[in-house]
């Protein structure tokens, strides 16, 4: 049974491409809030094949205290993956990560603790 641990995720994007063998692969990027007020940006390839949704250390591409920094790094990583998929001939529709998306979830998390 697959375990789910997505509680701290505030935003997520999934891109679909193909690997070197021509098989479908999913690229998932997300922003999560961690203990101590730390924001983390993570990226995983084919996370649906894992036993758990828990973030692995090798998934993390950024950690810091500023939401704007996390948004910037997440959007840079997203854009990098979009460019690669488009160069492979894929039609990609991925909206950027925004404060407007994250802040309501942060407020709900903060005030409902």
N, C-alpha and C. Protein backbone atom coordinates (compact mmCIF):
# COMPACT_ATOMS: atom_id res chain seq x y z
N UNK A 1 0.85 -1.18 0.00
CA UNK A 1 0.00 0.00 0.00
C UNK A 1 0.89 1.25 0.00
N UNK A 2 0.57 2.20 -0.83
CA UNK A 2 1.34 3.43 -0.96
C UNK A 2 0.97 4.40 0.16
N UNK A 3 1.98 4.90 0.86
CA UNK A 3 1.74 5.85 1.95
C UNK A 3 1.78 7.27 1.42
N UNK A 4 0.90 8.11 1.92
CA UNK A 4 0.85 9.50 1.49
C UNK A 4 1.31 10.42 2.62
N UNK A 5 2.22 11.33 2.28
CA UNK A 5 2.73 12.28 3.25
C UNK A 5 2.91 13.62 2.54
N UNK A 6 1.81 14.29 2.25
CA UNK A 6 1.86 15.52 1.48
C UNK A 6 1.36 16.71 2.29
N UNK A 7 1.29 16.56 3.58
CA UNK A 7 0.70 17.57 4.46
C UNK A 7 1.34 18.95 4.32
N UNK A 8 2.65 19.04 4.19
CA UNK A 8 3.33 20.32 4.16
C UNK A 8 3.43 20.96 2.79
N UNK A 9 2.86 20.33 1.76
CA UNK A 9 2.97 20.87 0.40
C UNK A 9 1.96 22.00 0.19
N UNK A 10 2.48 23.11 -0.29
CA UNK A 10 1.64 24.28 -0.51
C UNK A 10 1.33 24.52 -1.98
N UNK A 11 2.12 23.98 -2.87
CA UNK A 11 1.89 24.12 -4.30
C UNK A 11 2.63 22.99 -5.02
N UNK A 12 2.08 22.57 -6.14
CA UNK A 12 2.67 21.45 -6.86
C UNK A 12 2.37 21.56 -8.35
N UNK A 13 3.32 21.15 -9.18
CA UNK A 13 3.15 21.09 -10.62
C UNK A 13 3.63 19.73 -11.10
N UNK A 14 2.90 19.16 -12.06
CA UNK A 14 3.29 17.89 -12.65
C UNK A 14 3.44 18.08 -14.15
N UNK A 15 4.58 17.66 -14.66
CA UNK A 15 4.86 17.70 -16.09
C UNK A 15 5.00 16.26 -16.58
N UNK A 16 4.61 16.02 -17.81
CA UNK A 16 4.70 14.67 -18.37
C UNK A 16 5.58 14.71 -19.61
N UNK A 17 6.55 13.84 -19.63
CA UNK A 17 7.45 13.74 -20.75
C UNK A 17 7.75 12.28 -21.04
N UNK A 18 8.85 12.05 -21.74
CA UNK A 18 9.30 10.68 -22.01
C UNK A 18 10.76 10.57 -21.64
N UNK A 19 11.14 9.39 -21.18
CA UNK A 19 12.54 9.18 -20.81
C UNK A 19 13.35 8.74 -22.03
N UNK A 20 14.60 8.39 -21.82
CA UNK A 20 15.48 8.01 -22.93
C UNK A 20 15.02 6.74 -23.64
N UNK A 21 14.26 5.90 -22.95
CA UNK A 21 13.76 4.66 -23.54
C UNK A 21 12.41 4.86 -24.24
N UNK A 22 11.88 6.08 -24.17
CA UNK A 22 10.59 6.35 -24.80
C UNK A 22 9.39 6.09 -23.90
N UNK A 23 9.64 5.76 -22.65
CA UNK A 23 8.56 5.51 -21.69
C UNK A 23 8.14 6.82 -21.05
N UNK A 24 6.85 6.90 -20.71
CA UNK A 24 6.35 8.11 -20.06
C UNK A 24 7.01 8.30 -18.70
N UNK A 25 7.34 9.56 -18.40
CA UNK A 25 7.85 9.88 -17.07
C UNK A 25 7.16 11.14 -16.57
N UNK A 26 6.94 11.18 -15.27
CA UNK A 26 6.34 12.35 -14.63
C UNK A 26 7.41 13.08 -13.85
N UNK A 27 7.39 14.41 -14.00
CA UNK A 27 8.28 15.27 -13.23
C UNK A 27 7.38 16.10 -12.33
N UNK A 28 7.59 15.99 -11.04
CA UNK A 28 6.77 16.71 -10.07
C UNK A 28 7.66 17.69 -9.31
N UNK A 29 7.23 18.96 -9.30
CA UNK A 29 7.91 20.00 -8.53
C UNK A 29 6.94 20.51 -7.49
N UNK A 30 7.43 20.82 -6.30
CA UNK A 30 6.53 21.32 -5.27
C UNK A 30 7.26 22.24 -4.31
N UNK A 31 6.44 23.05 -3.62
CA UNK A 31 6.92 23.92 -2.56
C UNK A 31 6.28 23.43 -1.27
N UNK A 32 7.10 23.23 -0.26
CA UNK A 32 6.56 22.77 1.02
C UNK A 32 7.09 23.65 2.14
N UNK A 33 6.32 23.68 3.21
CA UNK A 33 6.67 24.42 4.42
C UNK A 33 7.15 23.41 5.44
N UNK A 34 8.31 23.68 6.02
CA UNK A 34 8.90 22.77 7.00
C UNK A 34 8.95 23.41 8.37
N UNK A 35 9.28 22.62 9.35
CA UNK A 35 9.40 23.12 10.72
C UNK A 35 10.41 24.25 10.78
N UNK A 36 10.15 25.20 11.66
CA UNK A 36 11.05 26.32 11.85
C UNK A 36 10.88 27.43 10.83
N UNK A 37 9.80 27.37 10.07
CA UNK A 37 9.54 28.41 9.08
C UNK A 37 10.36 28.29 7.81
N UNK A 38 10.88 27.11 7.52
CA UNK A 38 11.71 26.90 6.34
C UNK A 38 10.83 26.49 5.16
N UNK A 39 11.07 27.15 4.02
CA UNK A 39 10.44 26.76 2.76
C UNK A 39 11.40 25.84 2.02
N UNK A 40 10.86 24.82 1.39
CA UNK A 40 11.68 23.91 0.58
C UNK A 40 11.04 23.77 -0.79
N UNK A 41 11.88 23.70 -1.79
CA UNK A 41 11.45 23.41 -3.15
C UNK A 41 12.05 22.06 -3.51
N UNK A 42 11.23 21.20 -4.06
CA UNK A 42 11.70 19.85 -4.38
C UNK A 42 11.24 19.45 -5.78
N UNK A 43 11.97 18.50 -6.33
CA UNK A 43 11.68 17.98 -7.67
C UNK A 43 11.96 16.49 -7.66
N UNK A 44 11.01 15.72 -8.21
CA UNK A 44 11.19 14.28 -8.29
C UNK A 44 10.71 13.77 -9.64
N UNK A 45 11.39 12.76 -10.14
CA UNK A 45 10.99 12.12 -11.39
C UNK A 45 10.33 10.79 -11.05
N UNK A 46 9.14 10.59 -11.58
CA UNK A 46 8.35 9.38 -11.36
C UNK A 46 8.11 9.07 -9.88
N UNK A 47 7.66 10.05 -9.10
CA UNK A 47 7.42 9.77 -7.68
C UNK A 47 6.28 8.78 -7.46
N UNK A 48 5.44 8.59 -8.45
CA UNK A 48 4.33 7.64 -8.32
C UNK A 48 4.84 6.20 -8.19
N UNK A 49 6.09 5.97 -8.51
CA UNK A 49 6.66 4.63 -8.41
C UNK A 49 7.28 4.37 -7.04
N UNK A 50 7.29 5.37 -6.19
CA UNK A 50 7.86 5.23 -4.85
C UNK A 50 6.83 4.64 -3.89
N UNK A 51 7.32 4.12 -2.78
CA UNK A 51 6.43 3.56 -1.76
C UNK A 51 5.74 4.64 -0.95
N UNK A 52 6.28 5.86 -0.96
CA UNK A 52 5.76 6.94 -0.14
C UNK A 52 5.91 8.26 -0.87
N UNK A 53 5.06 9.23 -0.50
CA UNK A 53 5.15 10.58 -1.05
C UNK A 53 6.15 11.44 -0.27
N UNK A 54 6.79 10.90 0.74
CA UNK A 54 7.71 11.68 1.55
C UNK A 54 8.86 12.21 0.71
N UNK A 55 9.23 13.45 0.99
CA UNK A 55 10.34 14.09 0.28
C UNK A 55 11.65 13.45 0.68
N UNK A 56 12.44 13.08 -0.30
CA UNK A 56 13.76 12.52 -0.05
C UNK A 56 14.80 13.65 -0.05
N UNK A 57 15.90 13.50 0.65
CA UNK A 57 16.92 14.55 0.66
C UNK A 57 17.40 14.94 -0.75
N UNK A 58 17.52 13.96 -1.63
CA UNK A 58 18.00 14.25 -2.98
C UNK A 58 16.97 14.98 -3.85
N UNK A 59 15.71 15.06 -3.40
CA UNK A 59 14.67 15.79 -4.11
C UNK A 59 14.80 17.30 -3.91
N UNK A 60 15.35 17.71 -2.79
CA UNK A 60 15.36 19.12 -2.39
C UNK A 60 16.36 19.92 -3.24
N UNK A 61 15.86 21.00 -3.86
CA UNK A 61 16.73 21.86 -4.66
C UNK A 61 16.89 23.24 -4.02
N UNK A 62 16.12 23.52 -2.98
CA UNK A 62 16.25 24.79 -2.27
C UNK A 62 15.64 24.66 -0.88
N UNK A 63 16.27 25.32 0.09
CA UNK A 63 15.71 25.51 1.42
C UNK A 63 16.06 26.92 1.86
N UNK A 64 15.09 27.63 2.43
CA UNK A 64 15.34 28.98 2.91
C UNK A 64 14.13 29.53 3.63
N UNK A 65 14.29 30.71 4.19
CA UNK A 65 13.23 31.31 5.01
C UNK A 65 12.31 32.25 4.26
N UNK A 66 12.67 32.66 3.05
CA UNK A 66 11.87 33.63 2.32
C UNK A 66 11.01 32.96 1.26
N UNK A 67 9.72 33.23 1.31
CA UNK A 67 8.80 32.66 0.32
C UNK A 67 9.17 33.11 -1.08
N UNK A 68 9.53 34.37 -1.25
CA UNK A 68 9.89 34.87 -2.59
C UNK A 68 11.09 34.11 -3.17
N UNK A 69 12.05 33.78 -2.33
CA UNK A 69 13.20 33.00 -2.80
C UNK A 69 12.76 31.61 -3.24
N UNK A 70 11.87 31.00 -2.46
CA UNK A 70 11.36 29.67 -2.81
C UNK A 70 10.59 29.72 -4.12
N UNK A 71 9.75 30.74 -4.28
CA UNK A 71 8.99 30.88 -5.53
C UNK A 71 9.93 31.06 -6.72
N UNK A 72 10.97 31.86 -6.54
CA UNK A 72 11.94 32.08 -7.61
C UNK A 72 12.63 30.80 -8.02
N UNK A 73 13.10 30.04 -7.04
CA UNK A 73 13.80 28.78 -7.35
C UNK A 73 12.86 27.76 -7.96
N UNK A 74 11.62 27.70 -7.45
CA UNK A 74 10.65 26.76 -8.01
C UNK A 74 10.34 27.10 -9.46
N UNK A 75 10.16 28.38 -9.74
CA UNK A 75 9.85 28.78 -11.12
C UNK A 75 11.04 28.59 -12.06
N UNK A 76 12.25 28.78 -11.56
CA UNK A 76 13.44 28.51 -12.38
C UNK A 76 13.50 27.03 -12.75
N UNK A 77 13.29 26.16 -11.78
CA UNK A 77 13.32 24.72 -12.03
C UNK A 77 12.19 24.31 -12.98
N UNK A 78 11.01 24.87 -12.77
CA UNK A 78 9.87 24.58 -13.63
C UNK A 78 10.18 25.00 -15.07
N UNK A 79 10.70 26.20 -15.24
CA UNK A 79 11.03 26.70 -16.58
C UNK A 79 12.09 25.82 -17.25
N UNK A 80 13.10 25.38 -16.49
CA UNK A 80 14.12 24.50 -17.05
C UNK A 80 13.50 23.22 -17.61
N UNK A 81 12.58 22.62 -16.84
CA UNK A 81 11.94 21.39 -17.30
C UNK A 81 11.03 21.65 -18.50
N UNK A 82 10.34 22.78 -18.50
CA UNK A 82 9.46 23.12 -19.63
C UNK A 82 10.29 23.28 -20.90
N UNK A 83 11.42 23.96 -20.82
CA UNK A 83 12.29 24.15 -21.98
C UNK A 83 12.74 22.81 -22.55
N UNK A 84 13.14 21.89 -21.67
CA UNK A 84 13.58 20.58 -22.13
C UNK A 84 12.43 19.83 -22.80
N UNK A 85 11.26 19.84 -22.19
CA UNK A 85 10.12 19.13 -22.77
C UNK A 85 9.72 19.74 -24.11
N UNK A 86 9.74 21.05 -24.20
CA UNK A 86 9.39 21.70 -25.47
C UNK A 86 10.42 21.38 -26.55
N UNK A 87 11.69 21.30 -26.17
CA UNK A 87 12.72 20.94 -27.16
C UNK A 87 12.57 19.50 -27.64
N UNK A 88 11.91 18.68 -26.82
CA UNK A 88 11.60 17.30 -27.20
C UNK A 88 10.32 17.21 -28.03
N UNK A 89 9.71 18.37 -28.29
CA UNK A 89 8.49 18.39 -29.10
C UNK A 89 7.20 18.23 -28.32
N UNK A 90 7.28 18.31 -27.00
CA UNK A 90 6.08 18.18 -26.15
C UNK A 90 5.38 19.52 -26.05
N UNK A 91 4.07 19.48 -26.01
CA UNK A 91 3.27 20.68 -25.79
C UNK A 91 3.03 20.77 -24.28
N UNK A 92 3.61 21.80 -23.64
CA UNK A 92 3.59 21.90 -22.18
C UNK A 92 2.80 23.13 -21.76
N UNK A 93 1.89 22.93 -20.82
CA UNK A 93 1.11 24.03 -20.26
C UNK A 93 1.30 24.00 -18.74
N UNK A 94 2.26 24.76 -18.26
CA UNK A 94 2.56 24.78 -16.82
C UNK A 94 2.52 26.22 -16.33
N UNK A 95 1.61 26.49 -15.42
CA UNK A 95 1.54 27.85 -14.89
C UNK A 95 2.58 28.02 -13.79
N UNK A 96 3.11 29.22 -13.67
CA UNK A 96 4.15 29.45 -12.65
C UNK A 96 3.59 29.39 -11.23
N UNK A 97 4.46 29.16 -10.28
CA UNK A 97 4.11 29.22 -8.87
C UNK A 97 3.96 30.70 -8.49
N UNK A 98 2.94 31.02 -7.68
CA UNK A 98 2.69 32.42 -7.31
C UNK A 98 2.41 32.56 -5.82
N UNK A 99 2.67 33.77 -5.30
CA UNK A 99 2.31 34.09 -3.91
C UNK A 99 0.81 33.95 -3.71
N UNK A 100 0.04 34.38 -4.69
CA UNK A 100 -1.42 34.34 -4.62
C UNK A 100 -1.92 32.92 -4.38
N UNK A 101 -1.21 31.95 -4.90
CA UNK A 101 -1.57 30.55 -4.72
C UNK A 101 -1.19 30.05 -3.32
N UNK A 102 -0.03 30.47 -2.83
CA UNK A 102 0.53 29.93 -1.60
C UNK A 102 -0.01 30.61 -0.34
N UNK A 103 -0.19 31.93 -0.37
CA UNK A 103 -0.55 32.67 0.84
C UNK A 103 -1.85 32.20 1.50
N UNK A 104 -2.93 31.94 0.76
CA UNK A 104 -4.14 31.47 1.45
C UNK A 104 -3.91 30.15 2.20
N UNK A 105 -3.12 29.27 1.63
CA UNK A 105 -2.82 28.01 2.31
C UNK A 105 -1.95 28.23 3.54
N UNK A 106 -1.00 29.17 3.44
CA UNK A 106 -0.15 29.50 4.58
C UNK A 106 -0.99 30.10 5.71
N UNK A 107 -1.89 31.01 5.38
CA UNK A 107 -2.75 31.61 6.40
C UNK A 107 -3.63 30.55 7.06
N UNK A 108 -4.19 29.66 6.27
CA UNK A 108 -5.03 28.59 6.83
C UNK A 108 -4.20 27.71 7.75
N UNK A 109 -2.99 27.36 7.34
CA UNK A 109 -2.10 26.52 8.15
C UNK A 109 -1.74 27.25 9.45
N UNK A 110 -1.41 28.53 9.35
CA UNK A 110 -0.95 29.29 10.50
C UNK A 110 -2.07 29.50 11.53
N UNK A 111 -3.25 29.87 11.07
CA UNK A 111 -4.33 30.19 12.00
C UNK A 111 -5.12 28.99 12.49
N UNK A 112 -4.99 27.86 11.85
CA UNK A 112 -5.73 26.66 12.26
C UNK A 112 -4.87 25.65 13.00
N UNK A 113 -3.74 26.08 13.49
CA UNK A 113 -2.83 25.17 14.19
C UNK A 113 -3.36 24.81 15.54
